[in-house]
């Protein structure tokens, strides 16, 4: 070892500085490739992951901000569906609708003498439920009965109205009226049929 030190001390200054510069360059290169380069690669990797996470966070934040708005829209749609199902329910509920018609008839002073529910027929997304009815009352009572039925929450159409059989009772002209009251119900997708039987 002493021998090497003597050679270095006796070496010309240019060789000393050249050797020292070479040693510094070699140590610098070793440090760069062993320590600095892997750390730089890791920094680039982490920066890329950070950008990806920032994008995901921004997307999720936008979804979260829109979530409350979507919930409000869903509540409005559910409320509209509930309202629509009162007008076009999923079940027949014939007894319920006949009870309502009977109440209306009593309220307006009409006598319901005959009620015959017909066979349900399916359309695209709804079913028709016909109910043949015969009532007795004066013209005004019959007209009020039809008006009150038009105010029901559930859809009821009245057609094929026949008035006749006029008779005087208690100083009033009483008429017999026959008509077809048709109500409807919503069909779920499993029971829907194509129009014209297709």
N, C-alpha and C. Protein backbone atom coordinates (compact mmCIF):
# COMPACT_ATOMS: atom_id res chain seq x y z
N UNK A 1 0.83 -1.19 0.00
CA UNK A 1 0.00 0.00 0.00
C UNK A 1 0.88 1.25 0.00
N UNK A 2 1.95 1.23 0.80
CA UNK A 2 2.88 2.37 0.85
C UNK A 2 3.51 2.60 -0.52
N UNK A 3 3.76 1.51 -1.17
CA UNK A 3 4.38 1.56 -2.48
C UNK A 3 3.50 2.34 -3.46
N UNK A 4 2.16 2.05 -3.41
CA UNK A 4 1.22 2.75 -4.29
C UNK A 4 1.15 4.22 -3.95
N UNK A 5 1.17 4.53 -2.67
CA UNK A 5 1.11 5.93 -2.24
C UNK A 5 2.35 6.69 -2.72
N UNK A 6 3.51 6.03 -2.66
CA UNK A 6 4.75 6.68 -3.12
C UNK A 6 4.69 6.96 -4.61
N UNK A 7 4.13 6.00 -5.36
CA UNK A 7 4.02 6.18 -6.81
C UNK A 7 3.07 7.35 -7.13
N UNK A 8 2.00 7.44 -6.33
CA UNK A 8 1.05 8.54 -6.57
C UNK A 8 1.70 9.86 -6.23
N UNK A 9 2.48 9.91 -5.15
CA UNK A 9 3.12 11.17 -4.73
C UNK A 9 4.17 11.58 -5.76
N UNK A 10 4.89 10.59 -6.33
CA UNK A 10 5.96 10.89 -7.30
C UNK A 10 5.41 11.13 -8.69
N UNK A 11 4.15 10.78 -8.91
CA UNK A 11 3.57 10.94 -10.25
C UNK A 11 3.48 12.41 -10.61
N UNK A 12 3.54 12.70 -11.95
CA UNK A 12 3.42 14.10 -12.37
C UNK A 12 2.03 14.66 -12.02
N UNK A 13 1.92 15.96 -11.81
CA UNK A 13 0.65 16.57 -11.40
C UNK A 13 -0.50 16.28 -12.37
N UNK A 14 -0.22 16.21 -13.64
CA UNK A 14 -1.27 15.94 -14.61
C UNK A 14 -1.86 14.55 -14.39
N UNK A 15 -1.03 13.56 -14.13
CA UNK A 15 -1.50 12.20 -13.88
C UNK A 15 -2.29 12.15 -12.57
N UNK A 16 -1.79 12.93 -11.54
CA UNK A 16 -2.52 12.94 -10.27
C UNK A 16 -3.93 13.47 -10.45
N UNK A 17 -4.02 14.62 -11.13
CA UNK A 17 -5.35 15.22 -11.32
C UNK A 17 -6.23 14.39 -12.25
N UNK A 18 -5.63 13.78 -13.26
CA UNK A 18 -6.38 12.90 -14.18
C UNK A 18 -6.94 11.70 -13.44
N UNK A 19 -6.10 11.09 -12.59
CA UNK A 19 -6.56 9.93 -11.83
C UNK A 19 -7.66 10.31 -10.86
N UNK A 20 -7.45 11.48 -10.20
CA UNK A 20 -8.46 11.95 -9.25
C UNK A 20 -9.77 12.24 -9.97
N UNK A 21 -9.69 12.89 -11.15
CA UNK A 21 -10.89 13.19 -11.92
C UNK A 21 -11.57 11.90 -12.36
N UNK A 22 -10.80 10.92 -12.79
CA UNK A 22 -11.36 9.63 -13.20
C UNK A 22 -12.06 8.93 -12.04
N UNK A 23 -11.42 8.99 -10.86
CA UNK A 23 -12.03 8.36 -9.68
C UNK A 23 -13.35 9.04 -9.33
N UNK A 24 -13.36 10.39 -9.41
CA UNK A 24 -14.59 11.14 -9.11
C UNK A 24 -15.69 10.79 -10.11
N UNK A 25 -15.33 10.72 -11.41
CA UNK A 25 -16.32 10.38 -12.43
C UNK A 25 -16.84 8.97 -12.21
N UNK A 26 -15.94 8.03 -11.89
CA UNK A 26 -16.36 6.65 -11.65
C UNK A 26 -17.30 6.56 -10.45
N UNK A 27 -16.95 7.25 -9.35
CA UNK A 27 -17.81 7.23 -8.15
C UNK A 27 -19.17 7.89 -8.47
N UNK A 28 -19.14 8.96 -9.24
CA UNK A 28 -20.39 9.65 -9.61
C UNK A 28 -21.29 8.74 -10.44
N UNK A 29 -20.68 8.04 -11.44
CA UNK A 29 -21.46 7.12 -12.28
C UNK A 29 -22.04 5.98 -11.45
N UNK A 30 -21.25 5.43 -10.57
CA UNK A 30 -21.75 4.34 -9.71
C UNK A 30 -22.91 4.84 -8.86
N UNK A 31 -22.75 6.02 -8.25
CA UNK A 31 -23.83 6.60 -7.45
C UNK A 31 -25.09 6.84 -8.28
N UNK A 32 -24.89 7.35 -9.52
CA UNK A 32 -26.05 7.65 -10.35
C UNK A 32 -26.83 6.38 -10.68
N UNK A 33 -26.11 5.36 -11.18
CA UNK A 33 -26.81 4.14 -11.60
C UNK A 33 -27.33 3.30 -10.43
N UNK A 34 -26.68 3.38 -9.28
CA UNK A 34 -27.11 2.57 -8.14
C UNK A 34 -28.16 3.27 -7.28
N UNK A 35 -28.09 4.60 -7.19
CA UNK A 35 -28.99 5.30 -6.26
C UNK A 35 -29.92 6.31 -6.95
N UNK A 36 -29.37 7.18 -7.76
CA UNK A 36 -30.15 8.28 -8.33
C UNK A 36 -31.15 7.77 -9.39
N UNK A 37 -30.70 6.96 -10.33
CA UNK A 37 -31.57 6.51 -11.41
C UNK A 37 -32.78 5.72 -10.90
N UNK A 38 -32.62 4.74 -9.99
CA UNK A 38 -33.80 4.05 -9.47
C UNK A 38 -34.78 4.98 -8.75
N UNK A 39 -34.24 5.95 -8.04
CA UNK A 39 -35.11 6.90 -7.33
C UNK A 39 -35.87 7.76 -8.33
N UNK A 40 -35.20 8.19 -9.41
CA UNK A 40 -35.89 8.97 -10.45
C UNK A 40 -37.01 8.14 -11.10
N UNK A 41 -36.69 6.86 -11.41
CA UNK A 41 -37.72 5.99 -11.99
C UNK A 41 -38.91 5.85 -11.05
N UNK A 42 -38.61 5.68 -9.77
CA UNK A 42 -39.69 5.54 -8.78
C UNK A 42 -40.51 6.83 -8.70
N UNK A 43 -39.85 7.99 -8.77
CA UNK A 43 -40.57 9.28 -8.74
C UNK A 43 -41.49 9.40 -9.95
N UNK A 44 -40.99 9.01 -11.15
CA UNK A 44 -41.80 9.08 -12.37
C UNK A 44 -43.00 8.14 -12.24
N UNK A 45 -42.75 6.92 -11.72
CA UNK A 45 -43.82 5.95 -11.50
C UNK A 45 -44.88 6.49 -10.55
N UNK A 46 -44.43 7.04 -9.43
CA UNK A 46 -45.36 7.58 -8.43
C UNK A 46 -46.14 8.77 -8.99
N UNK A 47 -45.48 9.60 -9.79
CA UNK A 47 -46.18 10.75 -10.40
C UNK A 47 -47.27 10.27 -11.35
N UNK A 48 -46.97 9.20 -12.11
CA UNK A 48 -47.97 8.63 -13.02
C UNK A 48 -49.15 8.06 -12.23
N UNK A 49 -48.85 7.34 -11.15
CA UNK A 49 -49.92 6.81 -10.29
C UNK A 49 -50.74 7.94 -9.68
N UNK A 50 -50.06 9.02 -9.28
CA UNK A 50 -50.76 10.16 -8.69
C UNK A 50 -51.74 10.78 -9.69
N UNK A 51 -51.29 10.92 -10.96
CA UNK A 51 -52.18 11.47 -11.98
C UNK A 51 -53.39 10.57 -12.18
N UNK A 52 -53.15 9.25 -12.24
CA UNK A 52 -54.25 8.30 -12.40
C UNK A 52 -55.22 8.39 -11.23
N UNK A 53 -54.70 8.45 -10.01
CA UNK A 53 -55.56 8.54 -8.82
C UNK A 53 -56.32 9.87 -8.79
N UNK A 54 -55.66 10.95 -9.24
CA UNK A 54 -56.34 12.25 -9.30
C UNK A 54 -57.52 12.20 -10.27
N UNK A 55 -57.32 11.54 -11.44
CA UNK A 55 -58.42 11.40 -12.41
C UNK A 55 -59.57 10.58 -11.82
N UNK A 56 -59.22 9.46 -11.17
CA UNK A 56 -60.26 8.64 -10.55
C UNK A 56 -61.01 9.42 -9.48
N UNK A 57 -60.27 10.20 -8.70
CA UNK A 57 -60.89 10.99 -7.64
C UNK A 57 -61.84 12.02 -8.23
N UNK A 58 -61.42 12.67 -9.31
CA UNK A 58 -62.26 13.69 -9.95
C UNK A 58 -63.54 13.04 -10.49
N UNK A 59 -63.41 11.84 -11.12
CA UNK A 59 -64.59 11.15 -11.63
C UNK A 59 -65.55 10.78 -10.50
N UNK A 60 -64.99 10.23 -9.43
CA UNK A 60 -65.83 9.81 -8.30
C UNK A 60 -66.47 11.02 -7.60
N UNK A 61 -65.73 12.12 -7.56
CA UNK A 61 -66.28 13.33 -6.95
C UNK A 61 -67.45 13.86 -7.79
N UNK A 62 -67.31 13.79 -9.11
CA UNK A 62 -68.40 14.23 -10.00
C UNK A 62 -69.62 13.32 -9.82
N UNK A 63 -69.38 12.00 -9.72
CA UNK A 63 -70.48 11.05 -9.49
C UNK A 63 -71.16 11.36 -8.16
N UNK A 64 -70.35 11.62 -7.13
CA UNK A 64 -70.92 11.90 -5.80
C UNK A 64 -71.75 13.19 -5.83
N UNK A 65 -71.28 14.20 -6.57
CA UNK A 65 -72.04 15.44 -6.66
C UNK A 65 -73.35 15.23 -7.40
N UNK A 66 -73.33 14.36 -8.42
CA UNK A 66 -74.55 14.10 -9.19
C UNK A 66 -75.47 13.11 -8.50
N UNK A 67 -74.96 12.40 -7.49
CA UNK A 67 -75.75 11.36 -6.83
C UNK A 67 -77.00 11.94 -6.18
N UNK A 68 -76.85 13.05 -5.48
CA UNK A 68 -78.01 13.66 -4.83
C UNK A 68 -79.05 14.11 -5.86
N UNK A 69 -78.56 14.64 -6.97
CA UNK A 69 -79.48 15.05 -8.03
C UNK A 69 -80.20 13.84 -8.61
N UNK A 70 -79.47 12.75 -8.82
CA UNK A 70 -80.07 11.52 -9.34
C UNK A 70 -81.09 10.95 -8.35
N UNK A 71 -80.78 11.04 -7.05
CA UNK A 71 -81.73 10.57 -6.03
C UNK A 71 -83.02 11.37 -6.08
N UNK A 72 -82.89 12.70 -6.22
CA UNK A 72 -84.09 13.54 -6.31
C UNK A 72 -84.90 13.17 -7.55
N UNK A 73 -84.22 12.97 -8.68
CA UNK A 73 -84.92 12.57 -9.91
C UNK A 73 -85.63 11.23 -9.71
N UNK A 74 -84.95 10.30 -9.02
CA UNK A 74 -85.54 8.98 -8.77
C UNK A 74 -86.78 9.12 -7.89
N UNK A 75 -86.73 9.97 -6.87
CA UNK A 75 -87.89 10.17 -6.00
C UNK A 75 -89.07 10.74 -6.78
N UNK A 76 -88.79 11.70 -7.68
CA UNK A 76 -89.86 12.28 -8.49
C UNK A 76 -90.47 11.21 -9.40
N UNK A 77 -89.61 10.38 -10.02
CA UNK A 77 -90.11 9.32 -10.90
C UNK A 77 -90.93 8.30 -10.12
N UNK A 78 -90.47 7.95 -8.91
CA UNK A 78 -91.23 6.99 -8.10
C UNK A 78 -92.59 7.56 -7.71
N UNK A 79 -92.61 8.87 -7.41
CA UNK A 79 -93.89 9.51 -7.06
C UNK A 79 -94.83 9.52 -8.27
N UNK A 80 -94.28 9.82 -9.46
CA UNK A 80 -95.11 9.81 -10.67
C UNK A 80 -95.62 8.41 -10.97
N UNK A 81 -94.77 7.40 -10.73
CA UNK A 81 -95.20 6.02 -10.95
C UNK A 81 -96.33 5.66 -9.99
N UNK A 82 -96.19 6.07 -8.72
CA UNK A 82 -97.24 5.77 -7.74
C UNK A 82 -98.56 6.43 -8.16
N UNK A 83 -98.47 7.68 -8.65
CA UNK A 83 -99.68 8.37 -9.11
C UNK A 83 -100.28 7.66 -10.33
N UNK A 84 -99.40 7.24 -11.24
CA UNK A 84 -99.89 6.55 -12.45
C UNK A 84 -100.54 5.22 -12.09
N UNK A 85 -99.99 4.54 -11.08
CA UNK A 85 -100.56 3.25 -10.70
C UNK A 85 -101.91 3.39 -10.00
N UNK A 86 -102.22 4.59 -9.47
CA UNK A 86 -103.58 4.77 -8.94
C UNK A 86 -104.56 4.93 -10.09
N UNK A 87 -104.11 5.52 -11.19
CA UNK A 87 -104.97 5.68 -12.36
C UNK A 87 -105.01 4.40 -13.19
N UNK A 88 -103.90 3.69 -13.21
CA UNK A 88 -103.79 2.46 -13.98
C UNK A 88 -103.11 1.41 -13.11
N UNK A 89 -103.85 0.84 -12.15
CA UNK A 89 -103.23 -0.09 -11.20
C UNK A 89 -102.83 -1.40 -11.87
N UNK A 90 -102.04 -2.20 -11.13
CA UNK A 90 -101.59 -3.48 -11.67
C UNK A 90 -102.58 -4.60 -11.37
N UNK A 91 -103.46 -4.40 -10.42
CA UNK A 91 -104.41 -5.47 -10.08
C UNK A 91 -105.81 -5.09 -10.55
N UNK A 92 -106.69 -6.10 -10.66
CA UNK A 92 -108.06 -5.86 -11.15
C UNK A 92 -108.85 -5.00 -10.18
N UNK A 93 -108.86 -5.34 -8.91
CA UNK A 93 -109.58 -4.60 -7.87
C UNK A 93 -111.02 -4.29 -8.27
N UNK A 94 -111.71 -5.26 -8.87
CA UNK A 94 -113.09 -5.04 -9.32
C UNK A 94 -113.99 -4.69 -8.13
N UNK A 95 -113.82 -5.41 -7.02
CA UNK A 95 -114.68 -5.15 -5.86
C UNK A 95 -114.52 -3.70 -5.38
N UNK A 96 -113.28 -3.25 -5.39
CA UNK A 96 -113.03 -1.87 -4.93
C UNK A 96 -113.69 -0.85 -5.85
N UNK A 97 -113.54 -1.03 -7.17
CA UNK A 97 -114.12 -0.06 -8.09
C UNK A 97 -115.65 -0.13 -8.09
N UNK A 98 -116.20 -1.35 -7.93
CA UNK A 98 -117.66 -1.46 -7.84
C UNK A 98 -118.17 -0.79 -6.57
N UNK A 99 -117.42 -0.92 -5.48
CA UNK A 99 -117.79 -0.24 -4.24
C UNK A 99 -117.79 1.27 -4.41
N UNK A 100 -116.78 1.79 -5.12
CA UNK A 100 -116.72 3.24 -5.37
C UNK A 100 -117.90 3.69 -6.22
N UNK A 101 -118.23 2.90 -7.25
CA UNK A 101 -119.37 3.26 -8.11
C UNK A 101 -120.67 3.21 -7.32
N UNK A 102 -120.81 2.24 -6.46
CA UNK A 102 -122.00 2.14 -5.62
C UNK A 102 -122.12 3.36 -4.71
N UNK A 103 -121.00 3.78 -4.11
CA UNK A 103 -120.99 4.97 -3.25
C UNK A 103 -121.41 6.21 -4.03
N UNK A 104 -120.87 6.34 -5.26
CA UNK A 104 -121.22 7.48 -6.10
C UNK A 104 -122.72 7.44 -6.42
N UNK A 105 -123.23 6.25 -6.77
CA UNK A 105 -124.66 6.11 -7.08
C UNK A 105 -125.53 6.52 -5.91
N UNK A 106 -125.19 6.09 -4.71
CA UNK A 106 -125.96 6.48 -3.52
C UNK A 106 -125.86 7.98 -3.27
N UNK A 107 -124.68 8.53 -3.48
CA UNK A 107 -124.46 9.96 -3.25
C UNK A 107 -125.35 10.82 -4.15
N UNK A 108 -125.51 10.42 -5.41
CA UNK A 108 -126.30 11.23 -6.35
C UNK A 108 -127.76 10.82 -6.39
N UNK A 109 -128.15 9.77 -5.61
CA UNK A 109 -129.55 9.35 -5.54
C UNK A 109 -129.96 8.39 -6.64
N UNK A 110 -129.01 7.67 -7.18
CA UNK A 110 -129.24 6.76 -8.29
C UNK A 110 -129.38 5.34 -7.76
N UNK A 111 -130.17 4.53 -8.42
CA UNK A 111 -130.32 3.13 -8.04
C UNK A 111 -129.58 2.27 -9.06
N UNK A 112 -128.58 1.52 -8.60
CA UNK A 112 -127.84 0.61 -9.49
C UNK A 112 -128.54 -0.73 -9.42
N UNK A 113 -129.14 -1.14 -10.54
CA UNK A 113 -129.95 -2.36 -10.51
C UNK A 113 -129.22 -3.58 -11.05
N UNK A 114 -128.19 -3.40 -11.85
CA UNK A 114 -127.52 -4.56 -12.42
C UNK A 114 -126.06 -4.21 -12.73
N UNK A 115 -125.14 -5.11 -12.34
CA UNK A 115 -123.71 -4.93 -12.61
C UNK A 115 -123.17 -6.28 -13.07
N UNK A 116 -122.57 -6.29 -14.27
CA UNK A 116 -122.01 -7.54 -14.80
C UNK A 116 -120.58 -7.29 -15.29
N UNK A 117 -119.58 -7.66 -14.50
CA UNK A 117 -118.19 -7.52 -14.97
C UNK A 117 -117.94 -8.44 -16.16
N UNK A 118 -117.26 -7.91 -17.18
CA UNK A 118 -116.98 -8.69 -18.39
C UNK A 118 -115.60 -9.32 -18.34
N UNK A 119 -115.23 -9.94 -19.45
CA UNK A 119 -113.94 -10.61 -19.56
C UNK A 119 -112.85 -9.59 -19.87
N UNK A 120 -111.77 -9.70 -19.15
CA UNK A 120 -110.63 -8.80 -19.35
C UNK A 120 -109.98 -9.08 -20.70
N UNK A 121 -109.59 -8.01 -21.43
CA UNK A 121 -108.88 -8.19 -22.70
C UNK A 121 -107.59 -7.39 -22.65
N UNK A 122 -106.50 -8.00 -23.11
CA UNK A 122 -105.18 -7.38 -23.04
C UNK A 122 -104.85 -6.59 -24.29
N UNK A 123 -104.18 -5.45 -24.10
CA UNK A 123 -103.64 -4.65 -25.20
C UNK A 123 -102.12 -4.67 -25.04
N UNK A 124 -101.42 -3.65 -25.54
CA UNK A 124 -99.97 -3.66 -25.50
C UNK A 124 -99.43 -3.70 -24.07
N UNK A 125 -99.78 -2.73 -23.25
CA UNK A 125 -99.24 -2.66 -21.89
C UNK A 125 -100.34 -2.54 -20.84
N UNK A 126 -101.59 -2.67 -21.27
CA UNK A 126 -102.68 -2.57 -20.31
C UNK A 126 -103.77 -3.57 -20.67
N UNK A 127 -104.67 -3.78 -19.71
CA UNK A 127 -105.82 -4.66 -19.94
C UNK A 127 -107.09 -3.86 -19.74
N UNK A 128 -108.08 -4.12 -20.58
CA UNK A 128 -109.40 -3.49 -20.44
C UNK A 128 -110.28 -4.40 -19.60
N UNK A 129 -111.00 -3.80 -18.65
CA UNK A 129 -111.93 -4.57 -17.83
C UNK A 129 -113.31 -3.94 -18.01
N UNK A 130 -114.17 -4.54 -18.84
CA UNK A 130 -115.50 -3.97 -19.08
C UNK A 130 -116.48 -4.35 -17.96
N UNK A 131 -117.35 -3.42 -17.63
CA UNK A 131 -118.38 -3.67 -16.62
C UNK A 131 -119.70 -3.14 -17.19
N UNK A 132 -120.63 -4.05 -17.48
CA UNK A 132 -121.94 -3.64 -18.01
C UNK A 132 -122.81 -3.26 -16.82
N UNK A 133 -123.45 -2.08 -16.89
CA UNK A 133 -124.24 -1.59 -15.77
C UNK A 133 -125.62 -1.14 -16.23
N UNK A 134 -126.56 -1.26 -15.31
CA UNK A 134 -127.91 -0.74 -15.52
C UNK A 134 -128.27 0.06 -14.28
N UNK A 135 -128.68 1.32 -14.48
CA UNK A 135 -129.04 2.20 -13.37
C UNK A 135 -130.41 2.82 -13.62
N UNK A 136 -131.04 3.28 -12.54
CA UNK A 136 -132.33 3.96 -12.65
C UNK A 136 -132.25 5.25 -11.86
N UNK A 137 -132.72 6.34 -12.49
CA UNK A 137 -132.74 7.64 -11.84
C UNK A 137 -133.21 8.68 -12.82
N UNK A 138 -133.33 9.92 -12.37
CA UNK A 138 -133.73 10.95 -13.32
C UNK A 138 -132.50 11.37 -14.15
N UNK A 139 -132.76 12.16 -15.17
CA UNK A 139 -131.70 12.53 -16.09
C UNK A 139 -130.55 13.22 -15.36
N UNK A 140 -130.87 14.11 -14.46
CA UNK A 140 -129.87 14.86 -13.71
C UNK A 140 -129.02 13.91 -12.86
N UNK A 141 -129.62 12.93 -12.20
CA UNK A 141 -128.88 11.99 -11.36
C UNK A 141 -127.94 11.13 -12.19
N UNK A 142 -128.41 10.71 -13.35
CA UNK A 142 -127.57 9.91 -14.24
C UNK A 142 -126.38 10.73 -14.73
N UNK A 143 -126.64 11.98 -15.11
CA UNK A 143 -125.56 12.86 -15.58
C UNK A 143 -124.55 13.10 -14.47
N UNK A 144 -125.03 13.34 -13.23
CA UNK A 144 -124.11 13.53 -12.09
C UNK A 144 -123.30 12.27 -11.82
N UNK A 145 -123.93 11.11 -11.98
CA UNK A 145 -123.22 9.83 -11.78
C UNK A 145 -122.04 9.73 -12.75
N UNK A 146 -122.29 10.04 -14.02
CA UNK A 146 -121.21 9.98 -15.01
C UNK A 146 -120.12 11.01 -14.69
N UNK A 147 -120.55 12.20 -14.26
CA UNK A 147 -119.58 13.24 -13.93
C UNK A 147 -118.71 12.79 -12.75
N UNK A 148 -119.32 12.26 -11.70
CA UNK A 148 -118.56 11.80 -10.52
C UNK A 148 -117.62 10.66 -10.90
N UNK A 149 -118.05 9.78 -11.80
CA UNK A 149 -117.16 8.70 -12.23
C UNK A 149 -115.94 9.26 -12.98
N UNK A 150 -116.14 10.34 -13.71
CA UNK A 150 -115.02 10.94 -14.45
C UNK A 150 -113.99 11.57 -13.50
N UNK A 151 -114.40 11.83 -12.25
CA UNK A 151 -113.50 12.43 -11.27
C UNK A 151 -112.73 11.39 -10.45
N UNK A 152 -113.03 10.11 -10.67
CA UNK A 152 -112.34 9.05 -9.91
C UNK A 152 -110.86 9.04 -10.25
N UNK A 153 -110.04 8.61 -9.28
CA UNK A 153 -108.60 8.52 -9.52
C UNK A 153 -108.28 7.46 -10.59
N UNK A 154 -109.00 6.38 -10.55
CA UNK A 154 -108.78 5.32 -11.53
C UNK A 154 -109.50 5.68 -12.83
N UNK A 155 -108.88 5.36 -13.94
CA UNK A 155 -109.46 5.68 -15.25
C UNK A 155 -110.68 4.79 -15.49
N UNK A 156 -111.81 5.42 -15.79
CA UNK A 156 -113.03 4.70 -16.15
C UNK A 156 -113.64 5.42 -17.35
N UNK A 157 -113.79 4.69 -18.45
CA UNK A 157 -114.47 5.23 -19.63
C UNK A 157 -115.90 4.70 -19.65
N UNK A 158 -116.83 5.55 -20.06
CA UNK A 158 -118.23 5.13 -20.17
C UNK A 158 -118.64 5.30 -21.63
N UNK A 159 -119.20 4.21 -22.22
CA UNK A 159 -119.69 4.30 -23.59
C UNK A 159 -120.89 3.38 -23.77
N UNK A 160 -121.44 3.37 -24.96
CA UNK A 160 -122.66 2.61 -25.27
C UNK A 160 -123.79 2.96 -24.30
N UNK A 161 -124.01 4.26 -24.09
CA UNK A 161 -125.04 4.71 -23.16
C UNK A 161 -126.41 4.65 -23.84
N UNK A 162 -127.35 3.99 -23.19
CA UNK A 162 -128.73 3.94 -23.68
C UNK A 162 -129.64 4.46 -22.57
N UNK A 163 -130.51 5.39 -22.92
CA UNK A 163 -131.50 5.91 -21.98
C UNK A 163 -132.89 5.50 -22.48
N UNK A 164 -133.73 5.06 -21.58
CA UNK A 164 -135.09 4.67 -21.99
C UNK A 164 -135.89 4.24 -20.78
N UNK A 165 -137.05 3.65 -21.05
CA UNK A 165 -137.89 3.15 -19.97
C UNK A 165 -138.36 4.24 -19.03
N UNK A 166 -138.72 5.40 -19.60
CA UNK A 166 -139.17 6.52 -18.77
C UNK A 166 -140.46 6.15 -18.04
N UNK A 167 -140.48 6.47 -16.74
CA UNK A 167 -141.67 6.23 -15.92
C UNK A 167 -141.73 7.30 -14.85
N UNK A 168 -142.95 7.71 -14.48
CA UNK A 168 -143.12 8.74 -13.47
C UNK A 168 -143.29 8.06 -12.11
N UNK A 169 -142.47 8.49 -11.14
CA UNK A 169 -142.58 7.98 -9.77
C UNK A 169 -142.31 9.14 -8.83
N UNK A 170 -143.25 9.37 -7.90
CA UNK A 170 -143.13 10.49 -6.95
C UNK A 170 -142.93 11.81 -7.67
N UNK A 171 -143.72 12.05 -8.68
CA UNK A 171 -143.68 13.27 -9.49
C UNK A 171 -142.32 13.51 -10.16
N UNK A 172 -141.55 12.45 -10.38
CA UNK A 172 -140.26 12.56 -11.08
C UNK A 172 -140.26 11.58 -12.24
N UNK A 173 -139.64 12.01 -13.33
CA UNK A 173 -139.47 11.11 -14.47
C UNK A 173 -138.20 10.31 -14.22
N UNK A 174 -138.34 9.00 -14.10
CA UNK A 174 -137.20 8.12 -13.84
C UNK A 174 -136.88 7.39 -15.14
N UNK A 175 -135.60 7.31 -15.42
CA UNK A 175 -135.12 6.66 -16.65
C UNK A 175 -134.28 5.43 -16.29
N UNK A 176 -134.28 4.48 -17.18
CA UNK A 176 -133.36 3.36 -17.06
C UNK A 176 -132.23 3.63 -18.04
N UNK A 177 -131.02 3.45 -17.57
CA UNK A 177 -129.86 3.65 -18.43
C UNK A 177 -128.97 2.41 -18.37
N UNK A 178 -128.59 1.92 -19.52
CA UNK A 178 -127.59 0.86 -19.58
C UNK A 178 -126.36 1.44 -20.27
N UNK A 179 -125.21 1.02 -19.84
CA UNK A 179 -123.96 1.51 -20.42
C UNK A 179 -122.84 0.54 -20.10
N UNK A 180 -121.71 0.75 -20.76
CA UNK A 180 -120.52 -0.06 -20.52
C UNK A 180 -119.47 0.85 -19.87
N UNK A 181 -119.12 0.53 -18.63
CA UNK A 181 -118.04 1.25 -17.94
C UNK A 181 -116.79 0.39 -18.11
N UNK A 182 -115.74 0.97 -18.67
CA UNK A 182 -114.50 0.22 -18.89
C UNK A 182 -113.39 0.84 -18.07
N UNK A 183 -112.77 0.01 -17.24
CA UNK A 183 -111.60 0.46 -16.49
C UNK A 183 -110.39 -0.30 -17.01
N UNK A 184 -109.24 0.09 -16.59
CA UNK A 184 -108.00 -0.46 -17.15
C UNK A 184 -107.05 -0.83 -16.03
N UNK A 185 -106.11 -1.70 -16.35
CA UNK A 185 -105.03 -1.99 -15.42
C UNK A 185 -103.75 -2.21 -16.19
N UNK A 186 -102.65 -1.90 -15.55
CA UNK A 186 -101.32 -2.01 -16.13
C UNK A 186 -100.89 -3.48 -16.15
N UNK A 187 -100.32 -3.91 -17.26
CA UNK A 187 -99.79 -5.28 -17.36
C UNK A 187 -98.29 -5.24 -17.13
N UNK A 188 -97.78 -6.14 -16.30
CA UNK A 188 -96.33 -6.24 -16.18
C UNK A 188 -95.79 -6.87 -17.46
N UNK A 189 -94.47 -6.75 -17.67
CA UNK A 189 -93.87 -7.17 -18.94
C UNK A 189 -94.10 -8.64 -19.24
N UNK A 190 -94.25 -9.48 -18.22
CA UNK A 190 -94.46 -10.91 -18.45
C UNK A 190 -95.83 -11.19 -19.07
N UNK A 191 -96.81 -10.28 -18.85
CA UNK A 191 -98.15 -10.53 -19.35
C UNK A 191 -98.50 -9.68 -20.57
N UNK A 192 -97.57 -8.86 -21.04
CA UNK A 192 -97.85 -8.02 -22.19
C UNK A 192 -97.96 -8.88 -23.45
N UNK A 193 -98.84 -8.47 -24.33
CA UNK A 193 -98.98 -9.16 -25.62
C UNK A 193 -98.80 -8.16 -26.74
N UNK A 194 -98.38 -8.67 -27.87
CA UNK A 194 -98.21 -7.79 -29.03
C UNK A 194 -99.57 -7.40 -29.55
N UNK A 195 -99.70 -6.17 -30.14
CA UNK A 195 -100.98 -5.77 -30.70
C UNK A 195 -101.38 -6.70 -31.84
N UNK A 196 -102.68 -6.88 -32.02
CA UNK A 196 -103.25 -7.74 -33.04
C UNK A 196 -102.79 -9.19 -32.91
N UNK A 197 -102.46 -9.58 -31.66
CA UNK A 197 -102.10 -10.97 -31.40
C UNK A 197 -100.78 -11.41 -31.97
N UNK A 198 -99.90 -10.45 -32.38
CA UNK A 198 -98.61 -10.82 -32.96
C UNK A 198 -97.61 -11.13 -31.88
